[in-house]
All heavy atoms as atom14 arrays in JSON, in Angstrom:
{
  "sequence": "ICQLSFLVLNEEFEIEEVHDALCKPPLPISYEAMAIHHIT",
  "atom14_mask": [
    [1, 1, 1, 1, 1, 1, 1, 1, 0, 0, 0, 0, 0, 0],
    [1, 1, 1, 1, 1, 1, 0, 0, 0, 0, 0, 0, 0, 0],
    [1, 1, 1, 1, 1, 1, 1, 1, 1, 0, 0, 0, 0, 0],
    [1, 1, 1, 1, 1, 1, 1, 1, 0, 0, 0, 0, 0, 0],
    [1, 1, 1, 1, 1, 1, 0, 0, 0, 0, 0, 0, 0, 0],
    [1, 1, 1, 1, 1, 1, 1, 1, 1, 1, 1, 0, 0, 0],
    [1, 1, 1, 1, 1, 1, 1, 1, 0, 0, 0, 0, 0, 0],
    [1, 1, 1, 1, 1, 1, 1, 0, 0, 0, 0, 0, 0, 0],
    [1, 1, 1, 1, 1, 1, 1, 1, 0, 0, 0, 0, 0, 0],
    [1, 1, 1, 1, 1, 1, 1, 1, 0, 0, 0, 0, 0, 0],
    [1, 1, 1, 1, 1, 1, 1, 1, 1, 0, 0, 0, 0, 0],
    [1, 1, 1, 1, 1, 1, 1, 1, 1, 0, 0, 0, 0, 0],
    [1, 1, 1, 1, 1, 1, 1, 1, 1, 1, 1, 0, 0, 0],
    [1, 1, 1, 1, 1, 1, 1, 1, 1, 0, 0, 0, 0, 0],
    [1, 1, 1, 1, 1, 1, 1, 1, 0, 0, 0, 0, 0, 0],
    [1, 1, 1, 1, 1, 1, 1, 1, 1, 0, 0, 0, 0, 0],
    [1, 1, 1, 1, 1, 1, 1, 1, 1, 0, 0, 0, 0, 0],
    [1, 1, 1, 1, 1, 1, 1, 0, 0, 0, 0, 0, 0, 0],
    [1, 1, 1, 1, 1, 1, 1, 1, 1, 1, 0, 0, 0, 0],
    [1, 1, 1, 1, 1, 1, 1, 1, 0, 0, 0, 0, 0, 0],
    [1, 1, 1, 1, 1, 0, 0, 0, 0, 0, 0, 0, 0, 0],
    [1, 1, 1, 1, 1, 1, 1, 1, 0, 0, 0, 0, 0, 0],
    [1, 1, 1, 1, 1, 1, 0, 0, 0, 0, 0, 0, 0, 0],
    [1, 1, 1, 1, 1, 1, 1, 1, 1, 0, 0, 0, 0, 0],
    [1, 1, 1, 1, 1, 1, 1, 0, 0, 0, 0, 0, 0, 0],
    [1, 1, 1, 1, 1, 1, 1, 0, 0, 0, 0, 0, 0, 0],
    [1, 1, 1, 1, 1, 1, 1, 1, 0, 0, 0, 0, 0, 0],
    [1, 1, 1, 1, 1, 1, 1, 0, 0, 0, 0, 0, 0, 0],
    [1, 1, 1, 1, 1, 1, 1, 1, 0, 0, 0, 0, 0, 0],
    [1, 1, 1, 1, 1, 1, 0, 0, 0, 0, 0, 0, 0, 0],
    [1, 1, 1, 1, 1, 1, 1, 1, 1, 1, 1, 1, 0, 0],
    [1, 1, 1, 1, 1, 1, 1, 1, 1, 0, 0, 0, 0, 0],
    [1, 1, 1, 1, 1, 0, 0, 0, 0, 0, 0, 0, 0, 0],
    [1, 1, 1, 1, 1, 1, 1, 1, 0, 0, 0, 0, 0, 0],
    [1, 1, 1, 1, 1, 0, 0, 0, 0, 0, 0, 0, 0, 0],
    [1, 1, 1, 1, 1, 1, 1, 1, 0, 0, 0, 0, 0, 0],
    [1, 1, 1, 1, 1, 1, 1, 1, 1, 1, 0, 0, 0, 0],
    [1, 1, 1, 1, 1, 1, 1, 1, 1, 1, 0, 0, 0, 0],
    [1, 1, 1, 1, 1, 1, 1, 1, 0, 0, 0, 0, 0, 0],
    [1, 1, 1, 1, 1, 1, 1, 0, 0, 0, 0, 0, 0, 0]
  ],
  "atom14_positions": [
    [[94.2, 110.57, 84.53], [94.68, 109.47, 85.37], [94.1, 108.14, 84.91], [92.92, 108.03, 84.61], [94.27, 109.73, 86.84], [95.0, 110.96, 87.38], [94.55, 108.5, 87.71], [94.49, 111.4, 88.75], [0.0, 0.0, 0.0], [0.0, 0.0, 0.0], [0.0, 0.0, 0.0], [0.0, 0.0, 0.0], [0.0, 0.0, 0.0], [0.0, 0.0, 0.0]],
    [[94.96, 107.12, 84.88], [94.48, 105.75, 84.6], [94.84, 104.79, 85.74], [94.43, 103.63, 85.71], [95.0, 105.24, 83.26], [96.78, 105.19, 83.07], [0.0, 0.0, 0.0], [0.0, 0.0, 0.0], [0.0, 0.0, 0.0], [0.0, 0.0, 0.0], [0.0, 0.0, 0.0], [0.0, 0.0, 0.0], [0.0, 0.0, 0.0], [0.0, 0.0, 0.0]],
    [[95.61, 105.25, 86.72], [95.87, 104.47, 87.93], [96.13, 105.42, 89.08], [96.92, 106.37, 88.97], [97.08, 103.53, 87.77], [97.3, 102.61, 88.98], [98.55, 101.75, 88.85], [99.38, 101.98, 87.97], [98.69, 100.76, 89.71], [0.0, 0.0, 0.0], [0.0, 0.0, 0.0], [0.0, 0.0, 0.0], [0.0, 0.0, 0.0], [0.0, 0.0, 0.0]],
    [[95.45, 105.18, 90.19], [95.62, 105.98, 91.41], [95.99, 105.04, 92.55], [95.25, 104.1, 92.83], [94.33, 106.73, 91.74], [94.28, 107.45, 93.09], [95.33, 108.55, 93.17], [92.87, 108.02, 93.35], [0.0, 0.0, 0.0], [0.0, 0.0, 0.0], [0.0, 0.0, 0.0], [0.0, 0.0, 0.0], [0.0, 0.0, 0.0], [0.0, 0.0, 0.0]],
    [[97.13, 105.3, 93.18], [97.58, 104.45, 94.28], [98.09, 105.3, 95.42], [98.75, 106.33, 95.19], [98.7, 103.51, 93.81], [98.26, 102.67, 92.76], [0.0, 0.0, 0.0], [0.0, 0.0, 0.0], [0.0, 0.0, 0.0], [0.0, 0.0, 0.0], [0.0, 0.0, 0.0], [0.0, 0.0, 0.0], [0.0, 0.0, 0.0], [0.0, 0.0, 0.0]],
    [[97.81, 104.87, 96.63], [98.4, 105.55, 97.78], [98.38, 104.65, 99.02], [97.57, 103.72, 99.13], [97.71, 106.89, 98.08], [96.24, 106.82, 98.41], [95.81, 106.68, 99.72], [95.29, 106.92, 97.4], [94.45, 106.64, 100.02], [93.93, 106.9, 97.7], [93.51, 106.75, 99.02], [0.0, 0.0, 0.0], [0.0, 0.0, 0.0], [0.0, 0.0, 0.0]],
    [[99.31, 104.92, 99.91], [99.38, 104.27, 101.21], [98.94, 105.28, 102.26], [99.19, 106.48, 102.13], [100.81, 103.83, 101.53], [101.53, 102.94, 100.52], [102.96, 102.69, 100.98], [100.79, 101.63, 100.32], [0.0, 0.0, 0.0], [0.0, 0.0, 0.0], [0.0, 0.0, 0.0], [0.0, 0.0, 0.0], [0.0, 0.0, 0.0], [0.0, 0.0, 0.0]],
    [[98.31, 104.79, 103.3], [98.0, 105.61, 104.46], [98.86, 105.12, 105.61], [98.75, 103.96, 106.04], [96.5, 105.53, 104.83], [96.22, 106.41, 106.04], [95.63, 105.94, 103.65], [0.0, 0.0, 0.0], [0.0, 0.0, 0.0], [0.0, 0.0, 0.0], [0.0, 0.0, 0.0], [0.0, 0.0, 0.0], [0.0, 0.0, 0.0], [0.0, 0.0, 0.0]],
    [[99.73, 106.01, 106.11], [100.64, 105.67, 107.2], [100.2, 106.38, 108.47], [99.62, 107.47, 108.42], [102.07, 106.1, 106.86], [102.64, 105.77, 105.48], [104.08, 106.29, 105.38], [102.58, 104.29, 105.2], [0.0, 0.0, 0.0], [0.0, 0.0, 0.0], [0.0, 0.0, 0.0], [0.0, 0.0, 0.0], [0.0, 0.0, 0.0], [0.0, 0.0, 0.0]],
    [[100.54, 105.78, 109.61], [100.36, 106.49, 110.86], [101.64, 107.25, 111.2], [102.58, 107.28, 110.4], [99.95, 105.54, 111.99], [100.99, 104.45, 112.24], [102.19, 104.63, 111.98], [100.54, 103.31, 112.75], [0.0, 0.0, 0.0], [0.0, 0.0, 0.0], [0.0, 0.0, 0.0], [0.0, 0.0, 0.0], [0.0, 0.0, 0.0], [0.0, 0.0, 0.0]],
    [[101.7, 107.85, 112.35], [102.83, 108.7, 112.71], [104.11, 107.9, 112.93], [105.2, 108.48, 112.95], [102.5, 109.52, 113.95], [101.38, 110.51, 113.72], [101.09, 111.38, 114.93], [102.03, 111.61, 115.73], [99.95, 111.85, 115.07], [0.0, 0.0, 0.0], [0.0, 0.0, 0.0], [0.0, 0.0, 0.0], [0.0, 0.0, 0.0], [0.0, 0.0, 0.0]],
    [[104.0, 106.6, 113.07], [105.18, 105.73, 113.19], [105.58, 105.15, 111.83], [106.41, 104.25, 111.75], [104.9, 104.59, 114.18], [104.89, 105.02, 115.64], [103.68, 105.86, 116.0], [102.56, 105.46, 115.59], [103.83, 106.89, 116.67], [0.0, 0.0, 0.0], [0.0, 0.0, 0.0], [0.0, 0.0, 0.0], [0.0, 0.0, 0.0], [0.0, 0.0, 0.0]],
    [[104.95, 105.64, 110.75], [105.2, 105.21, 109.38], [104.74, 103.78, 109.11], [105.18, 103.15, 108.15], [106.69, 105.34, 109.01], [107.24, 106.73, 109.17], [108.56, 106.92, 109.53], [106.45, 107.85, 108.99], [109.08, 108.2, 109.7], [106.95, 109.13, 109.14], [108.27, 109.3, 109.51], [0.0, 0.0, 0.0], [0.0, 0.0, 0.0], [0.0, 0.0, 0.0]],
    [[103.85, 103.28, 109.95], [103.27, 101.96, 109.72], [102.13, 102.08, 108.72], [101.35, 103.04, 108.75], [102.75, 101.37, 111.03], [103.82, 101.16, 112.08], [103.23, 100.85, 113.45], [102.1, 101.3, 113.76], [103.92, 100.16, 114.23], [0.0, 0.0, 0.0], [0.0, 0.0, 0.0], [0.0, 0.0, 0.0], [0.0, 0.0, 0.0], [0.0, 0.0, 0.0]],
    [[102.03, 101.1, 107.82], [100.99, 101.13, 106.79], [99.67, 100.68, 107.39], [99.54, 99.56, 107.88], [101.37, 100.23, 105.6], [102.65, 100.73, 104.94], [100.24, 100.2, 104.58], [103.16, 99.84, 103.82], [0.0, 0.0, 0.0], [0.0, 0.0, 0.0], [0.0, 0.0, 0.0], [0.0, 0.0, 0.0], [0.0, 0.0, 0.0], [0.0, 0.0, 0.0]],
    [[98.68, 101.57, 107.35], [97.35, 101.23, 107.84], [96.39, 100.89, 106.72], [95.46, 100.11, 106.91], [96.79, 102.41, 108.65], [97.56, 102.68, 109.94], [96.91, 103.75, 110.79], [96.06, 104.5, 110.26], [97.23, 103.83, 111.98], [0.0, 0.0, 0.0], [0.0, 0.0, 0.0], [0.0, 0.0, 0.0], [0.0, 0.0, 0.0], [0.0, 0.0, 0.0]],
    [[96.61, 101.48, 105.53], [95.72, 101.23, 104.4], [96.53, 101.21, 103.11], [97.51, 101.94, 102.97], [94.65, 102.33, 104.27], [93.76, 102.49, 105.49], [92.82, 103.68, 105.34], [92.38, 103.96, 104.18], [92.53, 104.34, 106.36], [0.0, 0.0, 0.0], [0.0, 0.0, 0.0], [0.0, 0.0, 0.0], [0.0, 0.0, 0.0], [0.0, 0.0, 0.0]],
    [[96.11, 100.37, 102.17], [96.7, 100.32, 100.83], [95.57, 100.51, 99.83], [94.58, 99.77, 99.85], [97.41, 98.97, 100.56], [97.98, 98.95, 99.15], [98.5, 98.72, 101.59], [0.0, 0.0, 0.0], [0.0, 0.0, 0.0], [0.0, 0.0, 0.0], [0.0, 0.0, 0.0], [0.0, 0.0, 0.0], [0.0, 0.0, 0.0], [0.0, 0.0, 0.0]],
    [[95.73, 101.48, 98.95], [94.71, 101.74, 97.93], [95.37, 101.74, 96.55], [96.37, 102.42, 96.33], [94.04, 103.1, 98.17], [93.29, 103.16, 99.47], [91.99, 102.73, 99.59], [93.68, 103.58, 100.7], [91.6, 102.88, 100.85], [92.61, 103.4, 101.55], [0.0, 0.0, 0.0], [0.0, 0.0, 0.0], [0.0, 0.0, 0.0], [0.0, 0.0, 0.0]],
    [[94.8, 100.96, 95.66], [95.35, 100.83, 94.31], [94.2, 100.61, 93.35], [93.49, 99.6, 93.45], [96.35, 99.68, 94.24], [96.95, 99.51, 92.86], [97.22, 100.55, 92.21], [97.15, 98.36, 92.42], [0.0, 0.0, 0.0], [0.0, 0.0, 0.0], [0.0, 0.0, 0.0], [0.0, 0.0, 0.0], [0.0, 0.0, 0.0], [0.0, 0.0, 0.0]],
    [[93.99, 101.54, 92.43], [92.83, 101.46, 91.54], [93.22, 101.79, 90.11], [93.78, 102.86, 89.84], [91.74, 102.4, 92.01], [0.0, 0.0, 0.0], [0.0, 0.0, 0.0], [0.0, 0.0, 0.0], [0.0, 0.0, 0.0], [0.0, 0.0, 0.0], [0.0, 0.0, 0.0], [0.0, 0.0, 0.0], [0.0, 0.0, 0.0], [0.0, 0.0, 0.0]],
    [[92.94, 100.86, 89.21], [92.95, 101.19, 87.79], [91.64, 101.89, 87.46], [90.59, 101.56, 88.04], [93.1, 99.93, 86.94], [94.46, 99.22, 86.98], [94.37, 97.89, 86.23], [95.55, 100.09, 86.41], [0.0, 0.0, 0.0], [0.0, 0.0, 0.0], [0.0, 0.0, 0.0], [0.0, 0.0, 0.0], [0.0, 0.0, 0.0], [0.0, 0.0, 0.0]],
    [[91.68, 102.84, 86.57], [90.45, 103.55, 86.22], [90.45, 103.88, 84.73], [91.52, 103.98, 84.11], [90.29, 104.82, 87.05], [91.75, 105.84, 87.2], [0.0, 0.0, 0.0], [0.0, 0.0, 0.0], [0.0, 0.0, 0.0], [0.0, 0.0, 0.0], [0.0, 0.0, 0.0], [0.0, 0.0, 0.0], [0.0, 0.0, 0.0], [0.0, 0.0, 0.0]],
    [[89.27, 104.03, 84.19], [89.13, 104.28, 82.76], [89.05, 105.78, 82.52], [88.08, 106.43, 82.91], [87.9, 103.59, 82.2], [87.86, 103.61, 80.68], [86.93, 102.58, 80.11], [87.05, 102.54, 78.59], [86.19, 101.5, 78.0], [0.0, 0.0, 0.0], [0.0, 0.0, 0.0], [0.0, 0.0, 0.0], [0.0, 0.0, 0.0], [0.0, 0.0, 0.0]],
    [[90.05, 106.35, 81.85], [90.04, 107.79, 81.58], [89.16, 108.11, 80.38], [88.77, 107.22, 79.62], [91.51, 108.07, 81.27], [92.02, 106.78, 80.69], [91.26, 105.68, 81.38], [0.0, 0.0, 0.0], [0.0, 0.0, 0.0], [0.0, 0.0, 0.0], [0.0, 0.0, 0.0], [0.0, 0.0, 0.0], [0.0, 0.0, 0.0], [0.0, 0.0, 0.0]],
    [[88.84, 109.38, 80.17], [87.97, 109.77, 79.07], [88.68, 109.9, 77.73], [88.08, 110.41, 76.77], [87.43, 111.13, 79.53], [88.51, 111.69, 80.37], [89.13, 110.52, 81.08], [0.0, 0.0, 0.0], [0.0, 0.0, 0.0], [0.0, 0.0, 0.0], [0.0, 0.0, 0.0], [0.0, 0.0, 0.0], [0.0, 0.0, 0.0], [0.0, 0.0, 0.0]],
    [[89.94, 109.45, 77.65], [90.66, 109.46, 76.38], [91.63, 108.28, 76.36], [91.96, 107.73, 77.41], [91.41, 110.78, 76.16], [92.67, 111.06, 76.99], [93.44, 112.21, 76.38], [92.35, 111.36, 78.43], [0.0, 0.0, 0.0], [0.0, 0.0, 0.0], [0.0, 0.0, 0.0], [0.0, 0.0, 0.0], [0.0, 0.0, 0.0], [0.0, 0.0, 0.0]],
    [[92.1, 107.88, 75.18], [92.98, 106.72, 75.1], [94.33, 106.96, 75.77], [94.81, 108.1, 75.87], [93.16, 106.52, 73.58], [92.05, 107.28, 72.94], [91.75, 108.43, 73.86], [0.0, 0.0, 0.0], [0.0, 0.0, 0.0], [0.0, 0.0, 0.0], [0.0, 0.0, 0.0], [0.0, 0.0, 0.0], [0.0, 0.0, 0.0], [0.0, 0.0, 0.0]],
    [[94.94, 105.88, 76.24], [96.3, 105.95, 76.77], [97.27, 106.04, 75.59], [97.17, 105.26, 74.64], [96.62, 104.71, 77.62], [95.62, 104.56, 78.76], [98.05, 104.78, 78.17], [95.75, 103.27, 79.53], [0.0, 0.0, 0.0], [0.0, 0.0, 0.0], [0.0, 0.0, 0.0], [0.0, 0.0, 0.0], [0.0, 0.0, 0.0], [0.0, 0.0, 0.0]],
    [[98.19, 106.97, 75.65], [99.15, 107.11, 74.56], [100.13, 105.94, 74.57], [100.38, 105.32, 75.6], [99.94, 108.43, 74.69], [100.81, 108.38, 75.81], [0.0, 0.0, 0.0], [0.0, 0.0, 0.0], [0.0, 0.0, 0.0], [0.0, 0.0, 0.0], [0.0, 0.0, 0.0], [0.0, 0.0, 0.0], [0.0, 0.0, 0.0], [0.0, 0.0, 0.0]],
    [[100.68, 105.63, 73.4], [101.65, 104.55, 73.31], [102.9, 104.88, 74.12], [103.54, 103.99, 74.7], [102.02, 104.28, 71.85], [100.85, 103.78, 71.03], [100.46, 104.43, 69.87], [100.14, 102.65, 71.42], [99.38, 103.98, 69.12], [99.06, 102.18, 70.68], [98.68, 102.86, 69.53], [97.62, 102.41, 68.8], [0.0, 0.0, 0.0], [0.0, 0.0, 0.0]],
    [[103.26, 106.17, 74.15], [104.42, 106.59, 74.94], [104.22, 106.27, 76.41], [105.14, 105.8, 77.1], [104.68, 108.08, 74.75], [105.16, 108.49, 73.37], [104.05, 108.62, 72.34], [102.86, 108.45, 72.71], [104.36, 108.89, 71.18], [0.0, 0.0, 0.0], [0.0, 0.0, 0.0], [0.0, 0.0, 0.0], [0.0, 0.0, 0.0], [0.0, 0.0, 0.0]],
    [[102.99, 106.51, 76.91], [102.7, 106.22, 78.31], [102.66, 104.72, 78.57], [103.17, 104.23, 79.58], [101.36, 106.86, 78.7], [0.0, 0.0, 0.0], [0.0, 0.0, 0.0], [0.0, 0.0, 0.0], [0.0, 0.0, 0.0], [0.0, 0.0, 0.0], [0.0, 0.0, 0.0], [0.0, 0.0, 0.0], [0.0, 0.0, 0.0], [0.0, 0.0, 0.0]],
    [[102.06, 103.96, 77.63], [102.03, 102.5, 77.78], [103.43, 101.92, 77.88], [103.68, 100.97, 78.64], [101.31, 101.87, 76.59], [99.81, 101.94, 76.61], [99.11, 100.94, 75.26], [97.9, 102.08, 74.63], [0.0, 0.0, 0.0], [0.0, 0.0, 0.0], [0.0, 0.0, 0.0], [0.0, 0.0, 0.0], [0.0, 0.0, 0.0], [0.0, 0.0, 0.0]],
    [[104.36, 102.49, 77.11], [105.73, 101.99, 77.11], [106.41, 102.18, 78.46], [107.37, 101.48, 78.79], [106.54, 102.69, 76.02], [0.0, 0.0, 0.0], [0.0, 0.0, 0.0], [0.0, 0.0, 0.0], [0.0, 0.0, 0.0], [0.0, 0.0, 0.0], [0.0, 0.0, 0.0], [0.0, 0.0, 0.0], [0.0, 0.0, 0.0], [0.0, 0.0, 0.0]],
    [[105.88, 103.1, 79.27], [106.46, 103.36, 80.59], [105.75, 102.55, 81.67], [106.39, 101.83, 82.44], [106.37, 104.87, 80.91], [107.25, 105.66, 79.94], [106.81, 105.14, 82.35], [107.09, 107.16, 80.06], [0.0, 0.0, 0.0], [0.0, 0.0, 0.0], [0.0, 0.0, 0.0], [0.0, 0.0, 0.0], [0.0, 0.0, 0.0], [0.0, 0.0, 0.0]],
    [[104.41, 102.64, 81.73], [103.71, 101.98, 82.85], [103.03, 100.67, 82.46], [102.54, 99.95, 83.33], [102.71, 102.92, 83.51], [101.71, 103.55, 82.58], [100.92, 102.85, 81.7], [101.32, 104.86, 82.46], [100.11, 103.66, 81.07], [100.34, 104.9, 81.48], [0.0, 0.0, 0.0], [0.0, 0.0, 0.0], [0.0, 0.0, 0.0], [0.0, 0.0, 0.0]],
    [[102.97, 100.36, 81.17], [102.45, 99.08, 80.68], [100.97, 98.86, 81.0], [100.5, 97.72, 81.06], [103.28, 97.91, 81.23], [104.74, 98.05, 81.01], [105.32, 98.09, 79.75], [105.76, 98.21, 81.9], [106.63, 98.25, 79.88], [106.93, 98.33, 81.16], [0.0, 0.0, 0.0], [0.0, 0.0, 0.0], [0.0, 0.0, 0.0], [0.0, 0.0, 0.0]],
    [[100.23, 99.94, 81.18], [98.78, 99.84, 81.34], [98.16, 99.94, 79.95], [98.24, 100.97, 79.29], [98.23, 100.95, 82.26], [98.86, 100.83, 83.65], [96.71, 100.86, 82.35], [98.49, 101.98, 84.58], [0.0, 0.0, 0.0], [0.0, 0.0, 0.0], [0.0, 0.0, 0.0], [0.0, 0.0, 0.0], [0.0, 0.0, 0.0], [0.0, 0.0, 0.0]],
    [[97.54, 98.87, 79.51], [96.97, 98.79, 78.17], [95.46, 99.02, 78.21], [94.83, 98.94, 79.29], [97.25, 97.41, 77.55], [96.62, 96.42, 78.39], [98.75, 97.15, 77.47], [0.0, 0.0, 0.0], [0.0, 0.0, 0.0], [0.0, 0.0, 0.0], [0.0, 0.0, 0.0], [0.0, 0.0, 0.0], [0.0, 0.0, 0.0], [0.0, 0.0, 0.0]]
  ]
}
């Protein structure tokens, strides 16, 4: 994983929390993956 994102909703589907984190993985990002998500 190089990005982890999630929303926390209540039972009415209202957004209570937003979490978005870039993270450094233990291996390089492939060029194929960069071409899709643009994380360099």
